[in-house]
Amino acid sequence: MRLVFEPEERDALRADARDLALHDPGVAYVLERLASEGIDLEACTDWEDLRLQAGLPERTGDTPNVA
């Protein structure tokens, strides 16, 4: 399954990519790829799996879900 963006959303992602190109080319590249290709949901990794791979403890539910 692939998540694709509406034309207005793609345009907004590309505009943000242009704004960031000189200051943060890595983020600009990711935004442009998202705009052009969307997101392959089958290739996504669950947040909890990433936590375990990084050696972080399992969540107990008492920690707020913030980034």
N, C-alpha and C. Protein backbone atom coordinates (compact mmCIF):
# COMPACT_ATOMS: atom_id res chain seq x y z
N MET A 1 0.84 -1.17 0.00
CA MET A 1 0.00 0.00 0.00
C MET A 1 0.90 1.24 0.00
N ARG A 2 0.51 2.22 -0.77
CA ARG A 2 1.29 3.45 -0.88
C ARG A 2 0.42 4.64 -0.57
N LEU A 3 0.91 5.51 0.27
CA LEU A 3 0.24 6.76 0.61
C LEU A 3 0.75 7.82 -0.36
N VAL A 4 -0.16 8.43 -1.10
CA VAL A 4 0.22 9.50 -2.01
C VAL A 4 -0.47 10.79 -1.57
N PHE A 5 0.11 11.90 -1.96
CA PHE A 5 -0.39 13.19 -1.53
C PHE A 5 -1.24 13.84 -2.62
N GLU A 6 -2.17 14.65 -2.20
CA GLU A 6 -2.98 15.45 -3.12
C GLU A 6 -2.07 16.46 -3.81
N PRO A 7 -2.45 16.95 -5.00
CA PRO A 7 -1.60 17.92 -5.71
C PRO A 7 -1.21 19.14 -4.86
N GLU A 8 -2.15 19.65 -4.07
CA GLU A 8 -1.83 20.82 -3.24
C GLU A 8 -0.80 20.47 -2.17
N GLU A 9 -0.90 19.26 -1.62
CA GLU A 9 0.06 18.82 -0.60
C GLU A 9 1.44 18.62 -1.23
N ARG A 10 1.48 18.04 -2.43
CA ARG A 10 2.76 17.86 -3.12
C ARG A 10 3.41 19.21 -3.41
N ASP A 11 2.60 20.17 -3.85
CA ASP A 11 3.14 21.51 -4.11
C ASP A 11 3.71 22.13 -2.84
N ALA A 12 3.02 21.95 -1.72
CA ALA A 12 3.49 22.50 -0.45
C ALA A 12 4.79 21.82 -0.01
N LEU A 13 4.88 20.50 -0.18
CA LEU A 13 6.12 19.80 0.16
C LEU A 13 7.28 20.29 -0.69
N ARG A 14 7.02 20.48 -1.97
CA ARG A 14 8.08 20.96 -2.88
C ARG A 14 8.49 22.40 -2.54
N ALA A 15 7.53 23.23 -2.16
CA ALA A 15 7.86 24.61 -1.77
C ALA A 15 8.73 24.60 -0.52
N ASP A 16 8.38 23.74 0.44
CA ASP A 16 9.21 23.64 1.65
C ASP A 16 10.60 23.12 1.30
N ALA A 17 10.68 22.17 0.38
CA ALA A 17 11.98 21.64 -0.04
C ALA A 17 12.84 22.74 -0.66
N ARG A 18 12.24 23.57 -1.50
CA ARG A 18 12.99 24.68 -2.09
C ARG A 18 13.49 25.65 -1.02
N ASP A 19 12.64 25.93 -0.03
CA ASP A 19 13.04 26.85 1.04
C ASP A 19 14.19 26.30 1.87
N LEU A 20 14.25 24.98 2.03
CA LEU A 20 15.27 24.36 2.87
C LEU A 20 16.51 23.92 2.11
N ALA A 21 16.49 23.99 0.80
CA ALA A 21 17.56 23.42 -0.02
C ALA A 21 18.96 23.92 0.37
N LEU A 22 19.11 25.20 0.62
CA LEU A 22 20.43 25.74 0.95
C LEU A 22 20.83 25.49 2.40
N HIS A 23 19.86 25.46 3.31
CA HIS A 23 20.16 25.35 4.73
C HIS A 23 20.19 23.91 5.23
N ASP A 24 19.33 23.07 4.67
CA ASP A 24 19.25 21.68 5.11
C ASP A 24 18.92 20.79 3.91
N PRO A 25 19.92 20.51 3.07
CA PRO A 25 19.65 19.76 1.84
C PRO A 25 19.13 18.35 2.08
N GLY A 26 19.48 17.75 3.21
CA GLY A 26 18.99 16.41 3.51
C GLY A 26 17.48 16.39 3.69
N VAL A 27 16.97 17.34 4.45
CA VAL A 27 15.52 17.43 4.66
C VAL A 27 14.84 17.81 3.35
N ALA A 28 15.44 18.70 2.58
CA ALA A 28 14.87 19.09 1.30
C ALA A 28 14.74 17.89 0.38
N TYR A 29 15.76 17.05 0.35
CA TYR A 29 15.73 15.84 -0.48
C TYR A 29 14.60 14.91 -0.06
N VAL A 30 14.44 14.70 1.24
CA VAL A 30 13.38 13.83 1.75
C VAL A 30 12.01 14.39 1.39
N LEU A 31 11.81 15.68 1.55
CA LEU A 31 10.52 16.29 1.21
C LEU A 31 10.22 16.14 -0.27
N GLU A 32 11.22 16.32 -1.12
CA GLU A 32 11.01 16.17 -2.56
C GLU A 32 10.66 14.73 -2.92
N ARG A 33 11.34 13.78 -2.28
CA ARG A 33 11.02 12.36 -2.54
C ARG A 33 9.63 12.02 -2.07
N LEU A 34 9.23 12.53 -0.91
CA LEU A 34 7.87 12.30 -0.43
C LEU A 34 6.85 12.86 -1.42
N ALA A 35 7.12 14.05 -1.92
CA ALA A 35 6.20 14.67 -2.86
C ALA A 35 6.08 13.85 -4.14
N SER A 36 7.20 13.34 -4.63
CA SER A 36 7.17 12.66 -5.92
C SER A 36 6.77 11.19 -5.81
N GLU A 37 7.14 10.51 -4.71
CA GLU A 37 6.91 9.07 -4.62
C GLU A 37 5.86 8.67 -3.59
N GLY A 38 5.53 9.54 -2.67
CA GLY A 38 4.63 9.16 -1.59
C GLY A 38 5.37 8.31 -0.57
N ILE A 39 4.63 7.51 0.19
CA ILE A 39 5.22 6.69 1.25
C ILE A 39 4.77 5.25 1.05
N ASP A 40 5.73 4.34 0.99
CA ASP A 40 5.42 2.92 0.89
C ASP A 40 5.14 2.43 2.31
N LEU A 41 3.88 2.25 2.64
CA LEU A 41 3.50 1.87 4.00
C LEU A 41 3.97 0.47 4.37
N GLU A 42 4.19 -0.39 3.38
CA GLU A 42 4.68 -1.74 3.65
C GLU A 42 6.14 -1.72 4.10
N ALA A 43 6.87 -0.69 3.72
CA ALA A 43 8.29 -0.59 4.06
C ALA A 43 8.54 0.18 5.35
N CYS A 44 7.49 0.69 5.97
CA CYS A 44 7.64 1.47 7.21
C CYS A 44 7.92 0.55 8.38
N THR A 45 8.70 1.04 9.32
CA THR A 45 9.02 0.30 10.53
C THR A 45 8.26 0.90 11.69
N ASP A 46 7.67 0.05 12.49
CA ASP A 46 6.91 0.48 13.66
C ASP A 46 7.84 1.18 14.65
N TRP A 47 7.32 2.23 15.30
CA TRP A 47 8.11 3.00 16.26
C TRP A 47 8.64 2.13 17.39
N GLU A 48 7.83 1.22 17.89
CA GLU A 48 8.29 0.36 18.99
C GLU A 48 9.41 -0.57 18.52
N ASP A 49 9.35 -1.05 17.28
CA ASP A 49 10.43 -1.88 16.75
C ASP A 49 11.72 -1.08 16.68
N LEU A 50 11.64 0.18 16.27
CA LEU A 50 12.83 1.04 16.24
C LEU A 50 13.40 1.26 17.63
N ARG A 51 12.52 1.44 18.60
CA ARG A 51 12.97 1.63 19.98
C ARG A 51 13.75 0.39 20.45
N LEU A 52 13.21 -0.79 20.19
CA LEU A 52 13.87 -2.01 20.63
C LEU A 52 15.19 -2.22 19.90
N GLN A 53 15.24 -1.90 18.60
CA GLN A 53 16.49 -2.03 17.84
C GLN A 53 17.57 -1.10 18.38
N ALA A 54 17.16 0.04 18.89
CA ALA A 54 18.10 1.02 19.44
C ALA A 54 18.51 0.68 20.87
N GLY A 55 17.93 -0.39 21.43
CA GLY A 55 18.28 -0.79 22.78
C GLY A 55 17.52 -0.03 23.86
N LEU A 56 16.48 0.69 23.48
CA LEU A 56 15.68 1.42 24.46
C LEU A 56 14.68 0.47 25.11
N PRO A 57 14.31 0.73 26.34
CA PRO A 57 13.35 -0.16 27.02
C PRO A 57 11.96 -0.01 26.42
N GLU A 58 11.15 -1.04 26.60
CA GLU A 58 9.77 -0.97 26.15
C GLU A 58 9.05 0.12 26.92
N ARG A 59 8.06 0.72 26.28
CA ARG A 59 7.28 1.78 26.93
C ARG A 59 6.36 1.16 27.96
N THR A 60 6.21 1.85 29.06
CA THR A 60 5.35 1.35 30.14
C THR A 60 3.99 2.04 30.14
N GLY A 61 3.83 3.04 29.33
CA GLY A 61 2.55 3.74 29.27
C GLY A 61 2.51 4.97 30.16
N ASP A 62 3.50 5.11 31.06
CA ASP A 62 3.49 6.28 31.93
C ASP A 62 4.32 7.44 31.36
N THR A 63 4.99 7.21 30.23
CA THR A 63 5.79 8.25 29.60
C THR A 63 4.95 8.90 28.51
N PRO A 64 4.88 10.23 28.46
CA PRO A 64 4.09 10.88 27.41
C PRO A 64 4.66 10.56 26.02
N ASN A 65 3.80 10.50 25.05
CA ASN A 65 4.19 10.18 23.67
C ASN A 65 4.59 11.45 22.95
N VAL A 66 5.81 11.90 23.17
CA VAL A 66 6.32 13.12 22.55
C VAL A 66 7.63 12.81 21.87
N ALA A 67 7.93 13.59 20.83
CA ALA A 67 9.19 13.39 20.11
C ALA A 67 10.24 14.33 20.64
